[in-house]
Amino acid sequence: MEKVLVTGAGGFIGSQLTEELVKEGYNVRAFVRYNFKGSLGWLDYSNEQIKNNLEIFQGDIRDQNRVLDAMDGVDWVFHLAALIAIPYSYVSQDSYVDTNIKGTLNVLQAAKRLQTKRVFVTSTSEVYGTACYVPIDENHPLKGQSPYSATKIGADKLAQSFYTSFSLPVTVIRPFNTYGPRQSLRAVIPSIIVQALSFNAQIKLGSLLPTRDLNFVEDTIGGFLKIAKSEETIGEEINIASGQEISVGDLAREIINQINPKAEIVCETSRLRPEKSEVNRLLGSNEKIFNLTDWRPKFSLRTGINKTIEWFKENAVFYTSEYSL
């Protein structure tokens, strides 16, 4: 089995991808950001069997030499390390450039030097901006409607350039909105769930009108693995999308009906993105991933939301201090 590195391995998606790779028998090295507590993020809560079969590598994706060390001897790299909160990108653009663009460049340069067999760069549906047409396929124009999305576009273009210029076996994986256990309250679904579980009379949100194409985290991880196992995906940009959309308002009502039907939805101006920065519609095409792999989504939105609610009920302690958000 290939030796695999996962950057951003302590995060929401990265930790669950790391665990699944271990379960499938891969030799996995987890790159997690160094911190003085020695915390591995969500990997701290993996079971002992996972931990005993996992090599931990601490560092910073912005450190070129540390990235090179982390990638030495690995066959595949799943690059998920990134700054992802859109609101913070409005106030800290330099850190997004350093992490998302320079960090990706570090991975690509190391892969070129080490002749890494496969590199999977994680993108985001935010690079498309508000849909010019739907469903959004991989040929859709890219629009940097936030500093975050602009840096992810830069990272995607760097990845493409290393494929065309140096024949580096890169694949850009572009998940649409992923949700599920372990997600931060910066995202809309956990925010709604936690507020509803607190039995707040009001569920405070930003705009209720934007639509999103939602993937349960297990489906997103399944897409990563199916793409990785196919040689036909080399050099490609590939959406992971459900092919369905729902407005934030309808999504909130679905969640509230499962938890606290009496709650009222309130739009707060402080939670709104700048008008021209809001991505109003995301509905992805999954035709390409269907053609190149046998991936198919397994979870309906209702089932995925239900599983997510149950996880948040059982793990409320991780979010107690943020219940007021």
Protein backbone atom coordinates (compact mmCIF):
# COMPACT_ATOMS: atom_id res chain seq x y z
CA MET A 1 0.00 0.00 0.00
CA GLU A 2 1.12 3.54 -0.73
CA LYS A 3 2.59 5.72 1.99
CA VAL A 4 0.31 8.74 2.26
CA LEU A 5 0.73 12.21 3.76
CA VAL A 6 -2.30 14.27 4.76
CA THR A 7 -1.70 17.96 5.43
CA GLY A 8 -4.28 19.64 7.62
CA ALA A 9 -4.82 16.23 9.21
CA GLY A 10 -6.18 17.63 12.45
CA GLY A 11 -9.08 19.46 10.83
CA PHE A 12 -12.72 18.69 10.14
CA ILE A 13 -12.28 16.88 6.81
CA GLY A 14 -8.57 16.10 7.19
CA SER A 15 -8.97 14.12 10.41
CA GLN A 16 -11.75 11.94 9.00
CA LEU A 17 -9.86 11.38 5.73
CA THR A 18 -6.79 10.40 7.77
CA GLU A 19 -8.80 7.91 9.82
CA GLU A 20 -10.36 6.37 6.72
CA LEU A 21 -6.98 5.95 5.05
CA VAL A 22 -5.68 4.11 8.11
CA LYS A 23 -8.76 1.87 8.14
CA GLU A 24 -8.13 1.00 4.48
CA GLY A 25 -4.60 -0.12 5.29
CA TYR A 26 -2.53 2.79 4.00
CA ASN A 27 0.69 3.81 5.74
CA VAL A 28 -0.35 7.29 6.85
CA ARG A 29 1.65 10.29 8.03
CA ALA A 30 -0.44 13.11 9.49
CA PHE A 31 0.91 16.63 9.10
CA VAL A 32 -0.57 18.80 11.86
CA ARG A 33 0.25 22.37 12.75
CA TYR A 34 2.64 22.61 15.69
CA ASN A 35 1.26 24.21 18.84
CA PHE A 36 2.60 24.51 22.36
CA LYS A 37 -0.07 22.16 23.75
CA GLY A 38 0.95 19.35 21.42
CA SER A 39 -2.68 19.08 20.30
CA LEU A 40 -3.41 17.07 17.16
CA GLY A 41 -6.79 18.70 16.62
CA TRP A 42 -9.57 16.17 16.05
CA LEU A 43 -7.03 13.36 15.82
CA ASP A 44 -6.72 13.65 19.60
CA TYR A 45 -10.11 11.92 19.69
CA SER A 46 -9.35 9.09 17.30
CA ASN A 47 -9.50 5.59 18.75
CA GLU A 48 -6.31 3.89 19.90
CA GLN A 49 -6.18 1.57 16.88
CA ILE A 50 -6.03 4.60 14.59
CA LYS A 51 -3.44 6.37 16.72
CA ASN A 52 -1.23 3.29 16.91
CA ASN A 53 -1.13 3.08 13.12
CA LEU A 54 -0.50 6.75 12.46
CA GLU A 55 2.75 8.66 12.11
CA ILE A 56 2.42 12.21 13.45
CA PHE A 57 4.45 14.99 11.91
CA GLN A 58 4.15 18.47 13.42
CA GLY A 59 5.05 21.60 11.54
CA ASP A 60 3.71 24.56 9.57
CA ILE A 61 2.65 24.41 5.94
CA ARG A 62 4.27 27.82 5.42
CA ASP A 63 7.71 26.39 6.31
CA GLN A 64 9.28 25.14 3.07
CA ASN A 65 11.91 22.95 4.72
CA ARG A 66 9.46 21.38 7.14
CA VAL A 67 7.08 20.55 4.28
CA LEU A 68 9.96 18.95 2.39
CA ASP A 69 10.81 16.81 5.42
CA ALA A 70 7.16 15.79 5.84
CA MET A 71 6.89 14.68 2.22
CA ASP A 72 10.13 12.73 2.12
CA GLY A 73 9.40 9.06 1.44
CA VAL A 74 5.68 9.37 0.75
CA ASP A 75 3.90 8.28 -2.44
CA TRP A 76 0.68 10.30 -2.22
CA VAL A 77 -0.05 13.70 -0.69
CA PHE A 78 -3.54 14.89 0.17
CA HIS A 79 -3.07 18.63 0.71
CA LEU A 80 -5.88 20.01 2.88
CA ALA A 81 -4.00 22.49 5.10
CA ALA A 82 -5.52 25.94 4.60
CA LEU A 83 -7.06 28.96 6.24
CA ILE A 84 -10.74 28.62 5.41
CA ALA A 85 -12.92 31.10 7.35
CA ILE A 86 -14.21 33.65 4.85
CA PRO A 87 -14.95 36.46 7.37
CA TYR A 88 -11.40 36.35 8.75
CA SER A 89 -10.03 36.70 5.22
CA TYR A 90 -11.57 40.19 5.08
CA VAL A 91 -9.22 41.36 7.85
CA SER A 92 -6.11 39.18 7.45
CA GLN A 93 -5.32 38.83 3.77
CA ASP A 94 -1.57 38.32 4.21
CA SER A 95 -2.06 35.20 6.32
CA TYR A 96 -4.33 33.69 3.66
CA VAL A 97 -1.78 34.34 0.92
CA ASP A 98 1.02 32.86 3.04
CA THR A 99 -0.96 29.76 4.03
CA ASN A 100 -3.11 29.00 1.00
CA ILE A 101 -0.86 30.08 -1.85
CA LYS A 102 2.66 29.82 -0.42
CA GLY A 103 1.74 26.68 1.52
CA THR A 104 0.49 25.01 -1.65
CA LEU A 105 3.61 26.13 -3.53
CA ASN A 106 5.73 24.47 -0.82
CA VAL A 107 3.86 21.18 -1.35
CA LEU A 108 4.19 21.37 -5.14
CA GLN A 109 7.89 22.22 -5.09
CA ALA A 110 8.63 19.42 -2.64
CA ALA A 111 6.63 16.97 -4.78
CA LYS A 112 8.58 18.02 -7.87
CA ARG A 113 11.91 17.60 -6.06
CA LEU A 114 10.97 14.27 -4.45
CA GLN A 115 9.15 12.90 -7.52
CA THR A 116 6.01 12.21 -5.52
CA LYS A 117 3.69 9.80 -7.34
CA ARG A 118 0.38 11.66 -6.77
CA VAL A 119 -0.54 15.08 -5.37
CA PHE A 120 -4.13 15.98 -4.51
CA VAL A 121 -4.73 19.68 -3.92
CA THR A 122 -7.97 20.51 -2.13
CA SER A 123 -9.90 23.38 -3.66
CA THR A 124 -13.37 24.74 -2.84
CA SER A 125 -16.58 25.57 -4.68
CA GLU A 126 -16.08 29.16 -3.48
CA VAL A 127 -13.61 29.62 -6.37
CA TYR A 128 -16.57 29.72 -8.77
CA GLY A 129 -18.27 32.64 -7.07
CA THR A 130 -21.96 33.18 -7.77
CA ALA A 131 -23.02 30.82 -10.56
CA CYS A 132 -23.00 32.18 -14.11
CA TYR A 133 -24.82 29.00 -15.11
CA VAL A 134 -25.91 25.80 -13.39
CA PRO A 135 -24.99 23.15 -12.77
CA ILE A 136 -21.48 24.53 -12.30
CA ASP A 137 -19.00 22.33 -14.12
CA GLU A 138 -15.21 22.48 -14.02
CA ASN A 139 -15.13 24.87 -17.00
CA HIS A 140 -17.09 27.55 -15.13
CA PRO A 141 -15.23 30.87 -14.76
CA LEU A 142 -13.37 31.38 -11.48
CA LYS A 143 -14.22 34.52 -9.49
CA GLY A 144 -12.44 35.66 -6.35
CA GLN A 145 -15.37 37.18 -4.46
CA SER A 146 -13.49 37.05 -1.15
CA PRO A 147 -9.79 37.12 -0.27
CA TYR A 148 -10.19 33.49 0.79
CA SER A 149 -11.54 32.38 -2.59
CA ALA A 150 -8.91 34.44 -4.41
CA THR A 151 -6.11 32.61 -2.58
CA LYS A 152 -7.70 29.24 -3.35
CA ILE A 153 -7.87 30.21 -7.04
CA GLY A 154 -4.18 31.07 -6.85
CA ALA A 155 -3.42 27.68 -5.32
CA ASP A 156 -5.46 25.88 -7.98
CA LYS A 157 -3.66 27.70 -10.78
CA LEU A 158 -0.27 26.88 -9.28
CA ALA A 159 -1.24 23.21 -9.16
CA GLN A 160 -2.32 23.30 -12.81
CA SER A 161 0.92 25.01 -13.80
CA PHE A 162 3.02 22.29 -12.17
CA TYR A 163 1.12 19.68 -14.16
CA THR A 164 1.47 21.50 -17.50
CA SER A 165 5.01 22.78 -16.93
CA PHE A 166 6.65 19.86 -15.12
CA SER A 167 4.24 16.91 -15.68
CA LEU A 168 3.75 16.70 -11.92
CA PRO A 169 0.88 14.22 -11.35
CA VAL A 170 -1.46 16.73 -9.70
CA THR A 171 -5.22 16.52 -9.28
CA VAL A 172 -7.31 19.44 -8.01
CA ILE A 173 -10.22 18.15 -5.93
CA ARG A 174 -13.03 20.68 -5.57
CA PRO A 175 -15.64 19.75 -2.95
CA PHE A 176 -18.83 21.73 -2.75
CA ASN A 177 -20.04 22.57 0.76
CA THR A 178 -19.12 19.74 3.14
CA TYR A 179 -20.86 19.32 6.49
CA GLY A 180 -20.94 16.78 9.28
CA PRO A 181 -19.37 15.82 12.62
CA ARG A 182 -16.42 17.93 13.84
CA GLN A 183 -17.23 20.97 11.72
CA SER A 184 -16.53 24.40 13.21
CA LEU A 185 -19.27 26.84 14.16
CA ARG A 186 -17.93 29.18 11.49
CA ALA A 187 -20.07 27.08 9.09
CA VAL A 188 -23.81 27.55 8.78
CA ILE A 189 -25.02 24.01 9.60
CA PRO A 190 -23.16 23.66 12.94
CA SER A 191 -24.19 27.21 13.84
CA ILE A 192 -27.86 26.41 13.30
CA ILE A 193 -27.63 23.07 15.11
CA VAL A 194 -25.87 24.45 18.17
CA GLN A 195 -28.26 27.38 18.47
CA ALA A 196 -31.26 25.07 18.11
CA LEU A 197 -29.88 22.58 20.64
CA SER A 198 -29.51 25.48 23.08
CA PHE A 199 -33.27 25.99 22.66
CA ASN A 200 -32.76 29.60 21.70
CA ALA A 201 -36.01 31.32 20.78
CA GLN A 202 -34.19 32.91 17.85
CA ILE A 203 -31.78 31.31 15.40
CA LYS A 204 -29.47 34.09 14.25
CA LEU A 205 -28.15 33.86 10.69
CA GLY A 206 -26.86 35.99 7.85
CA SER A 207 -28.60 36.03 4.48
CA LEU A 208 -31.23 33.32 4.02
CA LEU A 209 -31.32 33.54 0.23
CA PRO A 210 -28.02 31.98 -0.99
CA THR A 211 -28.22 28.37 -2.15
CA ARG A 212 -25.63 25.69 -1.49
CA ASP A 213 -24.81 22.22 -2.80
CA LEU A 214 -24.19 20.15 0.34
CA ASN A 215 -22.12 16.99 0.79
CA PHE A 216 -22.07 14.90 3.96
CA VAL A 217 -18.44 14.52 5.05
CA GLU A 218 -18.39 10.76 4.44
CA ASP A 219 -19.41 11.37 0.83
CA THR A 220 -16.67 13.98 0.41
CA ILE A 221 -14.05 11.59 1.79
CA GLY A 222 -15.37 8.84 -0.48
CA GLY A 223 -14.86 11.20 -3.41
CA PHE A 224 -11.25 11.90 -2.38
CA LEU A 225 -10.48 8.19 -2.26
CA LYS A 226 -12.20 7.33 -5.54
CA ILE A 227 -10.32 10.14 -7.29
CA ALA A 228 -7.02 8.99 -5.77
CA LYS A 229 -7.48 5.42 -6.97
CA SER A 230 -8.02 6.41 -10.61
CA GLU A 231 -5.15 7.18 -12.98
CA GLU A 232 -7.62 8.98 -15.26
CA THR A 233 -7.92 11.82 -12.75
CA ILE A 234 -4.28 12.97 -13.10
CA GLY A 235 -4.06 16.56 -14.34
CA GLU A 236 -7.78 17.15 -13.83
CA GLU A 237 -9.90 19.51 -11.74
CA ILE A 238 -12.82 17.54 -10.33
CA ASN A 239 -15.94 18.65 -8.47
CA ILE A 240 -17.38 16.63 -5.64
CA ALA A 241 -21.02 17.74 -5.72
CA SER A 242 -24.42 16.33 -4.85
CA GLY A 243 -26.04 18.00 -7.85
CA GLN A 244 -28.77 19.46 -5.60
CA GLU A 245 -29.19 22.87 -4.02
CA ILE A 246 -31.02 24.28 -1.02
CA SER A 247 -31.33 27.84 0.27
CA VAL A 248 -29.90 28.75 3.66
CA GLY A 249 -33.42 29.58 4.83
CA ASP A 250 -34.87 26.21 3.81
CA LEU A 251 -31.84 24.45 5.28
CA ALA A 252 -32.36 26.23 8.59
CA ARG A 253 -36.03 25.24 8.65
CA GLU A 254 -35.12 21.59 7.97
CA ILE A 255 -32.67 21.56 10.90
CA ILE A 256 -34.96 23.47 13.26
CA ASN A 257 -37.86 21.15 12.52
CA GLN A 258 -35.71 18.22 13.65
CA ILE A 259 -34.69 19.92 16.91
CA ASN A 260 -36.80 22.89 18.03
CA PRO A 261 -39.72 23.66 15.67
CA LYS A 262 -40.81 26.70 17.70
CA ALA A 263 -37.57 28.60 17.09
CA GLU A 264 -37.70 31.74 14.94
CA ILE A 265 -35.12 32.50 12.22
CA VAL A 266 -33.67 36.00 12.40
CA CYS A 267 -31.36 37.61 9.83
CA GLU A 268 -28.68 39.72 11.50
CA THR A 269 -26.91 42.39 9.47
CA SER A 270 -23.67 41.76 11.40
CA ARG A 271 -23.58 38.24 9.91
CA LEU A 272 -23.99 39.37 6.30
CA ARG A 273 -21.07 39.23 3.88
CA PRO A 274 -20.32 42.41 1.91
CA GLU A 275 -22.92 42.54 -0.87
CA LYS A 276 -20.54 41.89 -3.78
CA SER A 277 -18.71 39.20 -1.82
CA GLU A 278 -21.73 36.99 -1.15
CA VAL A 279 -21.88 33.88 -3.33
CA ASN A 280 -25.58 33.72 -4.09
CA ARG A 281 -25.87 30.38 -5.83
CA LEU A 282 -23.82 27.17 -5.82
CA LEU A 283 -25.10 24.07 -7.61
CA GLY A 284 -22.39 21.72 -8.79
CA SER A 285 -22.13 19.36 -11.72
CA ASN A 286 -20.97 15.86 -10.76
CA GLU A 287 -20.84 14.60 -14.34
CA LYS A 288 -17.05 14.56 -14.47
CA ILE A 289 -16.49 12.60 -11.26
CA PHE A 290 -19.25 10.19 -12.37
CA ASN A 291 -17.42 9.65 -15.68
CA LEU A 292 -13.92 9.25 -14.22
CA THR A 293 -14.79 7.18 -11.13
CA ASP A 294 -17.58 5.07 -9.70
CA TRP A 295 -18.21 7.57 -6.87
CA ARG A 296 -21.83 8.27 -6.04
CA PRO A 297 -23.17 10.15 -2.99
CA LYS A 298 -24.60 7.78 -0.39
CA PHE A 299 -26.31 10.19 1.98
CA SER A 300 -29.45 12.24 1.39
CA LEU A 301 -29.48 15.70 2.94
CA ARG A 302 -32.04 14.65 5.56
CA THR A 303 -30.01 11.60 6.58
CA GLY A 304 -26.76 13.55 6.71
CA ILE A 305 -28.34 16.33 8.77
CA ASN A 306 -29.80 13.80 11.18
CA LYS A 307 -26.42 12.10 11.68
CA THR A 308 -24.81 15.50 12.20
CA ILE A 309 -27.40 16.56 14.78
CA GLU A 310 -26.91 13.33 16.72
CA TRP A 311 -23.13 13.84 16.77
CA PHE A 312 -23.50 17.40 18.05
CA LYS A 313 -25.86 16.21 20.79
CA GLU A 314 -23.27 13.68 21.94
CA ASN A 315 -20.33 16.09 21.68
CA ALA A 316 -21.80 19.35 22.96
CA VAL A 317 -18.88 19.79 25.35
CA PHE A 318 -16.64 20.82 22.44
CA TYR A 319 -18.97 23.69 21.55
CA THR A 320 -20.31 24.87 24.93
CA SER A 321 -18.24 28.04 24.99
CA GLU A 322 -19.53 28.95 21.54
CA TYR A 323 -23.24 28.29 22.09
CA SER A 324 -23.97 32.02 22.21
CA LEU A 325 -22.80 32.55 18.62
